[in-house]
Amino acid sequence: MQRPLELGADAVVHSTTKYLGGHSDVVGGAVIVRDPELHEQVRFVQNSVGAVPGPFDCFLVHRGLRTLHLRVRAHTENAAAVVDFLRGEGVEDVRWPGFGGMVSFRHPDAVRIASETHLFTLAESLGGVESLIEVPQAMTHQSVEGSAAAVPADLVRLSCGVEAAEDLVDDLRAAFTRAHAAATPTGAAAG
């Protein structure tokens, strides 16, 4: 969806673990540079420290690249449906760049919502075919609490996979409903 070198970047760092591999079964990365001299410096470091993927890792990333265009289309369509739902739920600060499957939003019941999903799996990764949900403050960013790198406790991050969009929305709707019911005191008078 983006071509950073064409937009003026001098170097691009890709996590092949994420969308490029796309199946949550490989760990790797790639550095692409425009300047031939910088390319030689990167190659020297790569050769010196042995930072090269194994043949099977290369196979897995190559396999993922063959379906990348199909997966990104599905991720984008599903994220658009999820964003439409979230904006109708009155959640705060829905963020989505308009492409890809990464969506974030803020909600006071972030942890409860994340624990109430069934189709979205609670996990710290992203970019695979399966949909994932996380609360960064309680998971990936817990170690930086109290520092400038801290994130709000009410932040929820979604990685929308390639499942049916209506199933993802239904899962979130049910999670919101269960989270709200759990937050409502038992026996409270209806008003």
C-alpha atoms as a PDB file:
ATOM      1  CA  MET A   1       0.000   0.000   0.000  1.00  0.00           C
ATOM      2  CA  GLN A   2       3.035   2.258   0.386  1.00  0.00           C
ATOM      3  CA  ARG A   3       6.234   2.514  -1.641  1.00  0.00           C
ATOM      4  CA  PRO A   4       8.572   4.464   0.662  1.00  0.00           C
ATOM      5  CA  LEU A   5      11.544   4.608  -1.728  1.00  0.00           C
ATOM      6  CA  GLU A   6       9.300   6.281  -4.315  1.00  0.00           C
ATOM      7  CA  LEU A   7       8.160   8.721  -1.616  1.00  0.00           C
ATOM      8  CA  GLY A   8      11.742   9.809  -0.930  1.00  0.00           C
ATOM      9  CA  ALA A   9      12.905   7.423   1.800  1.00  0.00           C
ATOM     10  CA  ASP A  10      16.588   6.479   1.717  1.00  0.00           C
ATOM     11  CA  ALA A  11      16.089   3.171   3.526  1.00  0.00           C
ATOM     12  CA  VAL A  12      13.152   0.893   4.267  1.00  0.00           C
ATOM     13  CA  VAL A  13      13.111  -1.719   7.017  1.00  0.00           C
ATOM     14  CA  HIS A  14      10.505  -4.452   6.659  1.00  0.00           C
ATOM     15  CA  SER A  15       9.503  -7.022   9.231  1.00  0.00           C
ATOM     16  CA  THR A  16       9.020 -10.074   7.048  1.00  0.00           C
ATOM     17  CA  THR A  17       7.446 -11.631  10.148  1.00  0.00           C
ATOM     18  CA  LYS A  18       4.342  -9.515   9.654  1.00  0.00           C
ATOM     19  CA  TYR A  19       2.374  -8.934   6.445  1.00  0.00           C
ATOM     20  CA  LEU A  20       5.091 -10.085   4.028  1.00  0.00           C
ATOM     21  CA  GLY A  21       5.168 -13.576   5.533  1.00  0.00           C
ATOM     22  CA  GLY A  22       1.541 -13.237   6.552  1.00  0.00           C
ATOM     23  CA  HIS A  23       0.999 -16.576   8.264  1.00  0.00           C
ATOM     24  CA  SER A  24       2.611 -16.065  11.696  1.00  0.00           C
ATOM     25  CA  ASP A  25       5.168 -18.780  11.019  1.00  0.00           C
ATOM     26  CA  VAL A  26       8.425 -16.978  10.224  1.00  0.00           C
ATOM     27  CA  VAL A  27      10.676 -14.446  11.933  1.00  0.00           C
ATOM     28  CA  GLY A  28      12.775 -12.131   9.801  1.00  0.00           C
ATOM     29  CA  GLY A  29      13.412  -8.741   8.364  1.00  0.00           C
ATOM     30  CA  ALA A  30      14.741  -6.954   5.318  1.00  0.00           C
ATOM     31  CA  VAL A  31      16.558  -3.676   4.724  1.00  0.00           C
ATOM     32  CA  ILE A  32      16.188  -2.011   1.321  1.00  0.00           C
ATOM     33  CA  VAL A  33      18.242   1.081   0.483  1.00  0.00           C
ATOM     34  CA  ARG A  34      18.457   3.355  -2.545  1.00  0.00           C
ATOM     35  CA  ASP A  35      22.134   4.353  -2.283  1.00  0.00           C
ATOM     36  CA  PRO A  36      24.634   1.748  -3.640  1.00  0.00           C
ATOM     37  CA  GLU A  37      27.290   2.788  -1.094  1.00  0.00           C
ATOM     38  CA  LEU A  38      24.880   2.305   1.816  1.00  0.00           C
ATOM     39  CA  HIS A  39      23.847  -1.022   0.251  1.00  0.00           C
ATOM     40  CA  GLU A  40      27.467  -2.202   0.432  1.00  0.00           C
ATOM     41  CA  GLN A  41      27.692  -1.126   4.098  1.00  0.00           C
ATOM     42  CA  VAL A  42      24.516  -3.057   4.935  1.00  0.00           C
ATOM     43  CA  ARG A  43      25.826  -6.115   3.066  1.00  0.00           C
ATOM     44  CA  PHE A  44      29.119  -5.893   4.988  1.00  0.00           C
ATOM     45  CA  VAL A  45      27.299  -5.917   8.337  1.00  0.00           C
ATOM     46  CA  GLN A  46      25.026  -8.708   7.155  1.00  0.00           C
ATOM     47  CA  ASN A  47      28.032 -10.806   6.122  1.00  0.00           C
ATOM     48  CA  SER A  48      30.028  -9.945   9.266  1.00  0.00           C
ATOM     49  CA  VAL A  49      27.373 -10.871  11.789  1.00  0.00           C
ATOM     50  CA  GLY A  50      25.675 -13.612   9.791  1.00  0.00           C
ATOM     51  CA  ALA A  51      22.306 -11.902   9.751  1.00  0.00           C
ATOM     52  CA  VAL A  52      20.793 -13.993   6.999  1.00  0.00           C
ATOM     53  CA  PRO A  53      17.609 -16.052   7.011  1.00  0.00           C
ATOM     54  CA  GLY A  54      17.666 -19.778   6.503  1.00  0.00           C
ATOM     55  CA  PRO A  55      16.355 -21.331   3.282  1.00  0.00           C
ATOM     56  CA  PHE A  56      13.056 -22.414   4.829  1.00  0.00           C
ATOM     57  CA  ASP A  57      12.439 -18.917   6.240  1.00  0.00           C
ATOM     58  CA  CYS A  58      13.033 -17.537   2.736  1.00  0.00           C
ATOM     59  CA  PHE A  59      10.564 -20.067   1.342  1.00  0.00           C
ATOM     60  CA  LEU A  60       7.914 -19.033   3.878  1.00  0.00           C
ATOM     61  CA  VAL A  61       8.311 -15.317   3.087  1.00  0.00           C
ATOM     62  CA  HIS A  62       8.255 -16.033  -0.658  1.00  0.00           C
ATOM     63  CA  ARG A  63       5.064 -18.056  -0.192  1.00  0.00           C
ATOM     64  CA  GLY A  64       3.532 -15.133   1.703  1.00  0.00           C
ATOM     65  CA  LEU A  65       4.525 -12.619  -0.971  1.00  0.00           C
ATOM     66  CA  ARG A  66       2.564 -14.565  -3.579  1.00  0.00           C
ATOM     67  CA  THR A  67      -0.704 -13.909  -1.719  1.00  0.00           C
ATOM     68  CA  LEU A  68       0.163 -10.508  -0.229  1.00  0.00           C
ATOM     69  CA  HIS A  69      -2.082  -8.553  -2.607  1.00  0.00           C
ATOM     70  CA  LEU A  70      -5.073 -10.767  -1.807  1.00  0.00           C
ATOM     71  CA  ARG A  71      -4.492 -10.691   1.928  1.00  0.00           C
ATOM     72  CA  VAL A  72      -3.966  -6.920   2.102  1.00  0.00           C
ATOM     73  CA  ARG A  73      -7.225  -6.391   0.218  1.00  0.00           C
ATOM     74  CA  ALA A  74      -9.061  -8.609   2.736  1.00  0.00           C
ATOM     75  CA  HIS A  75      -7.301  -6.970   5.725  1.00  0.00           C
ATOM     76  CA  THR A  76      -8.300  -3.526   4.418  1.00  0.00           C
ATOM     77  CA  GLU A  77     -11.934  -4.442   3.748  1.00  0.00           C
ATOM     78  CA  ASN A  78     -12.265  -6.040   7.181  1.00  0.00           C
ATOM     79  CA  ALA A  79     -10.635  -3.103   8.937  1.00  0.00           C
ATOM     80  CA  ALA A  80     -13.027  -0.706   7.165  1.00  0.00           C
ATOM     81  CA  ALA A  81     -16.014  -2.715   8.438  1.00  0.00           C
ATOM     82  CA  VAL A  82     -14.578  -2.807  11.972  1.00  0.00           C
ATOM     83  CA  VAL A  83     -13.897   0.952  11.932  1.00  0.00           C
ATOM     84  CA  ASP A  84     -17.483   1.634  10.799  1.00  0.00           C
ATOM     85  CA  PHE A  85     -18.742  -0.460  13.717  1.00  0.00           C
ATOM     86  CA  LEU A  86     -16.408   1.176  16.257  1.00  0.00           C
ATOM     87  CA  ARG A  87     -17.368   4.697  15.242  1.00  0.00           C
ATOM     88  CA  GLY A  88     -21.021   3.732  15.753  1.00  0.00           C
ATOM     89  CA  GLU A  89     -20.213   2.425  19.242  1.00  0.00           C
ATOM     90  CA  GLY A  90     -18.985   5.794  20.438  1.00  0.00           C
ATOM     91  CA  VAL A  91     -15.484   4.600  21.292  1.00  0.00           C
ATOM     92  CA  GLU A  92     -12.782   7.239  21.544  1.00  0.00           C
ATOM     93  CA  ASP A  93      -9.929   7.954  19.190  1.00  0.00           C
ATOM     94  CA  VAL A  94     -10.462   5.357  16.433  1.00  0.00           C
ATOM     95  CA  ARG A  95      -7.287   5.290  14.350  1.00  0.00           C
ATOM     96  CA  TRP A  96      -6.872   3.627  10.981  1.00  0.00           C
ATOM     97  CA  PRO A  97      -4.821   5.010   8.079  1.00  0.00           C
ATOM     98  CA  GLY A  98      -7.397   3.891   5.485  1.00  0.00           C
ATOM     99  CA  PHE A  99      -5.512   0.770   4.404  1.00  0.00           C
ATOM    100  CA  GLY A 100      -4.229  -2.447   5.935  1.00  0.00           C
ATOM    101  CA  GLY A 101      -5.637  -4.275   8.915  1.00  0.00           C
ATOM    102  CA  MET A 102      -4.231  -2.330  11.865  1.00  0.00           C
ATOM    103  CA  VAL A 103      -6.883  -0.450  13.867  1.00  0.00           C
ATOM    104  CA  SER A 104      -6.641   1.093  17.301  1.00  0.00           C
ATOM    105  CA  PHE A 105      -9.170   2.726  19.579  1.00  0.00           C
ATOM    106  CA  ARG A 106      -9.576   3.783  23.175  1.00  0.00           C
ATOM    107  CA  HIS A 107     -12.207   2.508  25.582  1.00  0.00           C
ATOM    108  CA  PRO A 108     -12.345   2.538  29.398  1.00  0.00           C
ATOM    109  CA  ASP A 109     -13.096  -1.223  29.414  1.00  0.00           C
ATOM    110  CA  ALA A 110     -10.120  -2.079  27.170  1.00  0.00           C
ATOM    111  CA  VAL A 111      -8.943  -5.130  29.118  1.00  0.00           C
ATOM    112  CA  ARG A 112     -12.456  -6.502  29.556  1.00  0.00           C
ATOM    113  CA  ILE A 113     -13.266  -6.061  25.852  1.00  0.00           C
ATOM    114  CA  ALA A 114     -10.040  -7.822  24.838  1.00  0.00           C
ATOM    115  CA  SER A 115     -10.807 -10.706  27.184  1.00  0.00           C
ATOM    116  CA  GLU A 116     -14.374 -11.087  25.872  1.00  0.00           C
ATOM    117  CA  THR A 117     -13.621 -11.645  22.159  1.00  0.00           C
ATOM    118  CA  HIS A 118     -13.723 -15.151  20.697  1.00  0.00           C
ATOM    119  CA  LEU A 119     -12.729 -14.685  17.055  1.00  0.00           C
ATOM    120  CA  PHE A 120     -10.125 -12.011  17.801  1.00  0.00           C
ATOM    121  CA  THR A 121      -7.375 -13.874  19.645  1.00  0.00           C
ATOM    122  CA  LEU A 122      -5.553 -12.130  22.490  1.00  0.00           C
ATOM    123  CA  ALA A 123      -1.971 -11.885  21.194  1.00  0.00           C
ATOM    124  CA  GLU A 124       0.912  -9.457  20.749  1.00  0.00           C
ATOM    125  CA  SER A 125       1.620  -9.915  17.049  1.00  0.00           C
ATOM    126  CA  LEU A 126       0.025  -8.542  13.900  1.00  0.00           C
ATOM    127  CA  GLY A 127      -0.205  -8.952  10.144  1.00  0.00           C
ATOM    128  CA  GLY A 128      -1.198 -12.604   9.982  1.00  0.00           C
ATOM    129  CA  VAL A 129      -4.290 -14.145   8.455  1.00  0.00           C
ATOM    130  CA  GLU A 130      -5.924 -14.470  11.873  1.00  0.00           C
ATOM    131  CA  SER A 131      -7.471 -11.530  13.720  1.00  0.00           C
ATOM    132  CA  LEU A 132      -5.733 -10.487  16.921  1.00  0.00           C
ATOM    133  CA  ILE A 133      -6.486  -8.077  19.758  1.00  0.00           C
ATOM    134  CA  GLU A 134      -4.226  -6.617  22.424  1.00  0.00           C
ATOM    135  CA  VAL A 135      -4.106  -3.991  25.138  1.00  0.00           C
ATOM    136  CA  PRO A 136      -0.542  -2.651  24.714  1.00  0.00           C
ATOM    137  CA  GLN A 137      -0.275  -1.085  28.185  1.00  0.00           C
ATOM    138  CA  ALA A 138      -0.917  -4.464  29.803  1.00  0.00           C
ATOM    139  CA  MET A 139       1.062  -6.474  27.249  1.00  0.00           C
ATOM    140  CA  THR A 140       3.729  -5.180  24.833  1.00  0.00           C
ATOM    141  CA  HIS A 141       4.348  -1.853  26.598  1.00  0.00           C
ATOM    142  CA  GLN A 142       4.015  -2.857  30.242  1.00  0.00           C
ATOM    143  CA  SER A 143       7.768  -2.593  30.784  1.00  0.00           C
ATOM    144  CA  VAL A 144       7.816   1.100  29.768  1.00  0.00           C
ATOM    145  CA  GLU A 145       5.033   2.174  32.127  1.00  0.00           C
ATOM    146  CA  GLY A 146       5.826   5.562  33.632  1.00  0.00           C
ATOM    147  CA  SER A 147       8.247   6.544  30.854  1.00  0.00           C
ATOM    148  CA  ALA A 148       7.838   8.681  27.729  1.00  0.00           C
ATOM    149  CA  ALA A 149       7.174   5.460  25.777  1.00  0.00           C
ATOM    150  CA  ALA A 150       4.126   4.552  27.906  1.00  0.00           C
ATOM    151  CA  VAL A 151       0.772   4.124  26.203  1.00  0.00           C
ATOM    152  CA  PRO A 152      -2.689   4.835  27.639  1.00  0.00           C
ATOM    153  CA  ALA A 153      -4.261   2.021  29.658  1.00  0.00           C
ATOM    154  CA  ASP A 154      -7.456   2.294  27.599  1.00  0.00           C
ATOM    155  CA  LEU A 155      -5.776   1.697  24.216  1.00  0.00           C
ATOM    156  CA  VAL A 156      -6.877  -1.388  22.246  1.00  0.00           C
ATOM    157  CA  ARG A 157      -5.009  -2.539  19.153  1.00  0.00           C
ATOM    158  CA  LEU A 158      -6.568  -4.803  16.545  1.00  0.00           C
ATOM    159  CA  SER A 159      -4.967  -6.687  13.699  1.00  0.00           C
ATOM    160  CA  CYS A 160      -7.901  -7.492  11.430  1.00  0.00           C
ATOM    161  CA  GLY A 161      -7.301 -10.780   9.650  1.00  0.00           C
ATOM    162  CA  VAL A 162      -8.964 -12.307   6.613  1.00  0.00           C
ATOM    163  CA  GLU A 163     -12.036 -13.860   8.243  1.00  0.00           C
ATOM    164  CA  ALA A 164     -15.499 -12.696   7.147  1.00  0.00           C
ATOM    165  CA  ALA A 165     -15.976  -9.010   8.040  1.00  0.00           C
ATOM    166  CA  GLU A 166     -19.419  -9.618   9.525  1.00  0.00           C
ATOM    167  CA  ASP A 167     -17.971 -12.267  11.854  1.00  0.00           C
ATOM    168  CA  LEU A 168     -15.325  -9.824  13.101  1.00  0.00           C
ATOM    169  CA  VAL A 169     -17.923  -7.116  13.724  1.00  0.00           C
ATOM    170  CA  ASP A 170     -20.251  -9.596  15.450  1.00  0.00           C
ATOM    171  CA  ASP A 171     -17.391 -10.745  17.683  1.00  0.00           C
ATOM    172  CA  LEU A 172     -16.588  -7.179  18.716  1.00  0.00           C
ATOM    173  CA  ARG A 173     -20.269  -6.322  19.210  1.00  0.00           C
ATOM    174  CA  ALA A 174     -20.697  -9.333  21.513  1.00  0.00           C
ATOM    175  CA  ALA A 175     -17.487  -8.469  23.403  1.00  0.00           C
ATOM    176  CA  PHE A 176     -18.691  -4.887  23.943  1.00  0.00           C
ATOM    177  CA  THR A 177     -22.041  -6.211  25.179  1.00  0.00           C
ATOM    178  CA  ARG A 178     -20.445  -8.711  27.582  1.00  0.00           C
ATOM    179  CA  ALA A 179     -17.941  -6.107  28.830  1.00  0.00           C
ATOM    180  CA  HIS A 180     -20.748  -3.612  29.456  1.00  0.00           C
ATOM    181  CA  ALA A 181     -22.823  -6.220  31.283  1.00  0.00           C
ATOM    182  CA  ALA A 182     -19.839  -7.162  33.462  1.00  0.00           C
ATOM    183  CA  ALA A 183     -19.231  -3.491  34.304  1.00  0.00           C
ATOM    184  CA  THR A 184     -22.867  -2.891  35.238  1.00  0.00           C
ATOM    185  CA  PRO A 185     -23.601  -3.625  38.914  1.00  0.00           C
ATOM    186  CA  THR A 186     -25.888  -6.625  39.408  1.00  0.00           C
ATOM    187  CA  GLY A 187     -29.395  -5.635  40.294  1.00  0.00           C
ATOM    188  CA  ALA A 188     -29.012  -2.024  39.180  1.00  0.00           C
ATOM    189  CA  ALA A 189     -32.347  -0.412  38.478  1.00  0.00           C
ATOM    190  CA  ALA A 190     -33.078   0.039  34.778  1.00  0.00           C
ATOM    191  CA  GLY A 191     -33.583   3.598  34.007  1.00  0.00           C
END
